[in-house]
Amino acid sequence: MSARRRKTLLLDLDGTLVDPARGILGSCRYAMARMGHPIDDDEDLRWIIGPSLRETFARLLGGRGDPEAAVQHYRQRYSEWGLTEAAPYGGVHEVLAMRRAEGTRLFLCTAKPAVFAKRVVDHFGFAGLLDGVYGPQLDGKHDDKGDLIAHLMEVERLVPEDVCMVGDRAQDVLAARRHGVPTVGVLWGYGGREELVAAGAEILIASPAQLLD
């Protein structure tokens, strides 16, 4: 299976199109401090990039507070500053423009709430390259990425044989597999080779240009 042969790509955002570390990690530390459980500056939090916020804060709090309250603190900072504390990965714009010119349909499929995801793709110039932006609602609807993919495919009338997921975390791979959709795992994000292989990614790529192979 080659990503180039698929008519439609479902694209993860964080760790795939943009490096969001500064905004996400800063907002997470802010939220935990507001919850009364500050995180040491030297603690590695990169694992939080990818999973849903509710899942992340439930794990970080470990029963010491309400994850929903932490999510609200996070969103307070993220909506004001964190959205733009990111950087597009080199070559991604160009590759997506080439795929679009070839007739490939491109949909954002992200664990980031859709209202924030739309602001990110607008800010970094991806909006004109995408056929649609899909993410969870603020109330948690479609927080599960498998449910989100099912929703996207139903709305856009897609069939698995025409679709490929592109993402950097196991959540992307496992969610896509639930619907018979193969995944291209990207190695420039936050999952890494071992995680992606264990989850069942069909192809691993080390640069955006390999989406043209």
Protein backbone atom coordinates (compact mmCIF):
# COMPACT_ATOMS: atom_id res chain seq x y z
CA MET A 1 0.00 0.00 0.00
CA SER A 2 1.38 3.39 -1.02
CA ALA A 3 0.00 6.58 0.42
CA ARG A 4 0.20 8.05 -3.06
CA ARG A 5 -2.38 5.57 -4.36
CA ARG A 6 -5.05 6.59 -1.89
CA LYS A 7 -7.62 9.12 -3.07
CA THR A 8 -8.10 10.60 0.40
CA LEU A 9 -5.73 11.36 3.27
CA LEU A 10 -6.84 11.91 6.85
CA LEU A 11 -4.20 14.12 8.44
CA ASP A 12 -3.37 14.37 12.11
CA LEU A 13 -2.37 17.88 13.22
CA ASP A 14 -0.09 17.94 16.28
CA GLY A 15 3.15 16.11 15.59
CA THR A 16 2.23 15.63 11.93
CA LEU A 17 1.57 19.03 10.33
CA VAL A 18 2.85 21.23 13.16
CA ASP A 19 5.16 20.93 16.15
CA PRO A 20 2.88 22.13 18.97
CA ALA A 21 5.14 21.41 21.92
CA ARG A 22 5.62 24.92 23.30
CA GLY A 23 1.91 25.77 23.38
CA ILE A 24 0.64 22.40 24.59
CA LEU A 25 3.26 21.85 27.27
CA GLY A 26 3.02 25.42 28.52
CA SER A 27 -0.76 25.20 28.74
CA CYS A 28 -0.57 21.85 30.53
CA ARG A 29 1.85 23.19 33.13
CA TYR A 30 -0.39 26.22 33.62
CA ALA A 31 -3.45 24.01 34.15
CA MET A 32 -1.72 21.73 36.64
CA ALA A 33 -0.45 24.73 38.60
CA ARG A 34 -3.99 26.12 38.74
CA MET A 35 -5.15 22.73 40.03
CA GLY A 36 -2.62 22.97 42.85
CA HIS A 37 -0.28 20.32 41.46
CA PRO A 38 2.56 22.12 39.64
CA ILE A 39 4.84 20.00 37.50
CA ASP A 40 8.62 20.20 37.83
CA ASP A 41 10.25 22.10 34.98
CA ASP A 42 12.53 19.18 34.18
CA GLU A 43 9.72 16.60 33.87
CA ASP A 44 9.34 15.33 30.30
CA LEU A 45 5.73 15.88 29.23
CA ARG A 46 6.05 15.20 25.52
CA TRP A 47 3.91 12.06 25.91
CA ILE A 48 0.83 14.29 26.32
CA ILE A 49 1.01 15.41 22.67
CA GLY A 50 -1.54 13.27 20.89
CA PRO A 51 -4.02 11.82 23.42
CA SER A 52 -7.21 13.65 24.39
CA LEU A 53 -6.98 16.28 27.10
CA ARG A 54 -9.42 14.48 29.38
CA GLU A 55 -7.33 11.31 29.18
CA THR A 56 -4.14 13.30 29.79
CA PHE A 57 -5.37 15.16 32.87
CA ALA A 58 -6.98 12.06 34.36
CA ARG A 59 -3.54 10.44 34.22
CA LEU A 60 -1.66 13.49 35.51
CA LEU A 61 -4.05 14.13 38.37
CA GLY A 62 -4.40 10.51 39.41
CA GLY A 63 -7.56 11.18 41.37
CA ARG A 64 -6.26 14.38 43.00
CA GLY A 65 -8.73 16.62 41.21
CA ASP A 66 -11.33 16.95 38.48
CA PRO A 67 -9.86 16.41 34.99
CA GLU A 68 -12.64 18.54 33.50
CA ALA A 69 -11.57 21.52 35.61
CA ALA A 70 -7.99 21.03 34.42
CA VAL A 71 -9.19 20.94 30.81
CA GLN A 72 -10.89 24.31 31.30
CA HIS A 73 -7.73 25.86 32.78
CA TYR A 74 -5.72 24.45 29.89
CA ARG A 75 -8.09 25.87 27.30
CA GLN A 76 -8.02 29.29 28.95
CA ARG A 77 -4.30 29.64 28.29
CA TYR A 78 -4.22 27.67 25.03
CA SER A 79 -6.94 29.74 23.37
CA GLU A 80 -5.12 32.99 24.22
CA TRP A 81 -1.49 32.06 23.54
CA GLY A 82 -0.89 28.37 22.98
CA LEU A 83 -2.56 28.13 19.57
CA THR A 84 0.19 30.16 17.93
CA GLU A 85 3.04 28.67 19.98
CA ALA A 86 3.63 26.06 17.30
CA ALA A 87 5.60 25.71 14.07
CA PRO A 88 4.76 23.91 10.81
CA TYR A 89 7.16 21.12 9.92
CA GLY A 90 9.36 21.93 6.95
CA GLY A 91 8.06 20.72 3.60
CA VAL A 92 4.54 19.90 4.75
CA HIS A 93 2.82 22.81 2.97
CA GLU A 94 4.54 22.00 -0.30
CA VAL A 95 3.73 18.29 -0.17
CA LEU A 96 0.07 18.87 0.63
CA ALA A 97 -0.17 21.38 -2.21
CA MET A 98 1.26 18.77 -4.60
CA ARG A 99 -1.12 16.08 -3.39
CA ARG A 100 -4.06 18.44 -3.72
CA ALA A 101 -2.99 19.37 -7.26
CA GLU A 102 -3.01 15.65 -8.11
CA GLY A 103 -6.63 15.43 -6.95
CA THR A 104 -6.12 13.92 -3.50
CA ARG A 105 -8.75 14.91 -0.96
CA LEU A 106 -7.22 16.12 2.31
CA PHE A 107 -9.07 16.17 5.62
CA LEU A 108 -7.73 17.20 9.00
CA CYS A 109 -8.58 14.54 11.58
CA THR A 110 -7.27 15.64 14.97
CA ALA A 111 -7.82 15.06 18.68
CA LYS A 112 -7.70 18.83 19.11
CA PRO A 113 -11.19 20.35 19.42
CA ALA A 114 -12.40 21.47 16.02
CA VAL A 115 -12.86 25.07 17.14
CA PHE A 116 -9.15 25.29 18.01
CA ALA A 117 -7.96 23.17 15.08
CA LYS A 118 -9.62 25.56 12.62
CA ARG A 119 -7.79 28.49 14.19
CA VAL A 120 -4.46 26.65 13.98
CA VAL A 121 -4.81 25.73 10.29
CA ASP A 122 -5.95 29.27 9.48
CA HIS A 123 -3.01 30.80 11.35
CA PHE A 124 -0.39 28.58 9.72
CA GLY A 125 -1.79 28.67 6.18
CA PHE A 126 -3.15 25.14 5.87
CA ALA A 127 -6.84 26.02 5.53
CA GLY A 128 -6.73 26.46 1.75
CA LEU A 129 -5.16 23.03 1.31
CA LEU A 130 -7.83 21.11 3.23
CA ASP A 131 -11.22 19.82 2.14
CA GLY A 132 -12.45 19.79 5.73
CA VAL A 133 -11.43 20.04 9.38
CA TYR A 134 -12.65 17.42 11.84
CA GLY A 135 -12.03 17.31 15.57
CA PRO A 136 -13.93 16.71 18.83
CA GLN A 137 -16.52 19.09 20.22
CA LEU A 138 -15.70 21.00 23.40
CA ASP A 139 -18.16 18.84 25.33
CA GLY A 140 -16.13 15.71 24.53
CA LYS A 141 -18.20 14.38 21.63
CA HIS A 142 -15.83 12.49 19.30
CA ASP A 143 -12.96 12.65 21.83
CA ASP A 144 -12.34 9.03 20.83
CA LYS A 145 -10.41 9.22 17.57
CA GLY A 146 -12.00 6.06 16.23
CA ASP A 147 -15.42 7.66 16.68
CA LEU A 148 -14.13 10.81 14.99
CA ILE A 149 -12.90 8.84 11.97
CA ALA A 150 -16.25 7.06 11.71
CA HIS A 151 -18.05 10.41 11.81
CA LEU A 152 -15.76 11.92 9.18
CA MET A 153 -16.12 8.95 6.84
CA GLU A 154 -19.89 8.96 7.19
CA VAL A 155 -20.24 12.69 6.54
CA GLU A 156 -17.84 12.66 3.57
CA ARG A 157 -19.14 9.31 2.22
CA LEU A 158 -15.70 7.72 2.24
CA VAL A 159 -14.86 4.02 1.95
CA PRO A 160 -11.80 2.45 3.62
CA GLU A 161 -10.30 1.33 0.30
CA ASP A 162 -9.82 4.97 -0.74
CA VAL A 163 -8.54 6.34 2.57
CA CYS A 164 -5.22 6.51 4.42
CA MET A 165 -4.56 7.98 7.87
CA VAL A 166 -1.35 9.98 8.36
CA GLY A 167 -0.24 10.48 11.96
CA ASP A 168 2.52 10.24 14.54
CA ARG A 169 0.94 8.40 17.48
CA ALA A 170 -0.45 4.96 18.24
CA GLN A 171 -3.87 6.54 18.75
CA ASP A 172 -3.94 7.46 15.06
CA VAL A 173 -3.02 3.95 13.94
CA LEU A 174 -5.37 2.10 16.28
CA ALA A 175 -8.31 4.39 15.53
CA ALA A 176 -7.87 3.97 11.78
CA ARG A 177 -7.50 0.19 12.04
CA ARG A 178 -10.92 -0.02 13.70
CA HIS A 179 -12.38 1.08 10.37
CA GLY A 180 -10.12 -0.86 8.03
CA VAL A 181 -8.07 2.23 7.16
CA PRO A 182 -4.27 1.85 6.81
CA THR A 183 -1.90 4.34 8.41
CA VAL A 184 1.28 6.05 7.34
CA GLY A 185 3.23 6.72 10.53
CA VAL A 186 5.40 9.84 10.51
CA LEU A 187 8.71 9.70 12.36
CA TRP A 188 9.18 13.44 12.85
CA GLY A 189 6.43 13.62 15.48
CA TYR A 190 6.08 12.36 19.04
CA GLY A 191 5.31 8.64 18.79
CA GLY A 192 8.48 7.19 17.34
CA ARG A 193 9.22 4.05 15.38
CA GLU A 194 8.66 1.52 18.17
CA GLU A 195 5.25 2.92 19.14
CA LEU A 196 4.02 3.13 15.54
CA VAL A 197 5.21 -0.36 14.60
CA ALA A 198 3.63 -1.86 17.72
CA ALA A 199 0.32 -0.18 16.88
CA GLY A 200 0.39 -1.61 13.35
CA ALA A 201 1.32 1.27 11.04
CA GLU A 202 1.67 -0.08 7.50
CA ILE A 203 4.30 2.42 6.37
CA LEU A 204 6.77 4.66 8.24
CA ILE A 205 8.14 7.81 6.65
CA ALA A 206 10.95 10.06 7.82
CA SER A 207 10.10 13.17 5.78
CA PRO A 208 6.94 14.76 4.33
CA ALA A 209 8.30 14.30 0.80
CA GLN A 210 7.81 10.56 1.18
CA LEU A 211 4.05 11.14 1.01
CA LEU A 212 4.70 11.59 -2.71
CA ASP A 213 6.20 8.10 -3.15
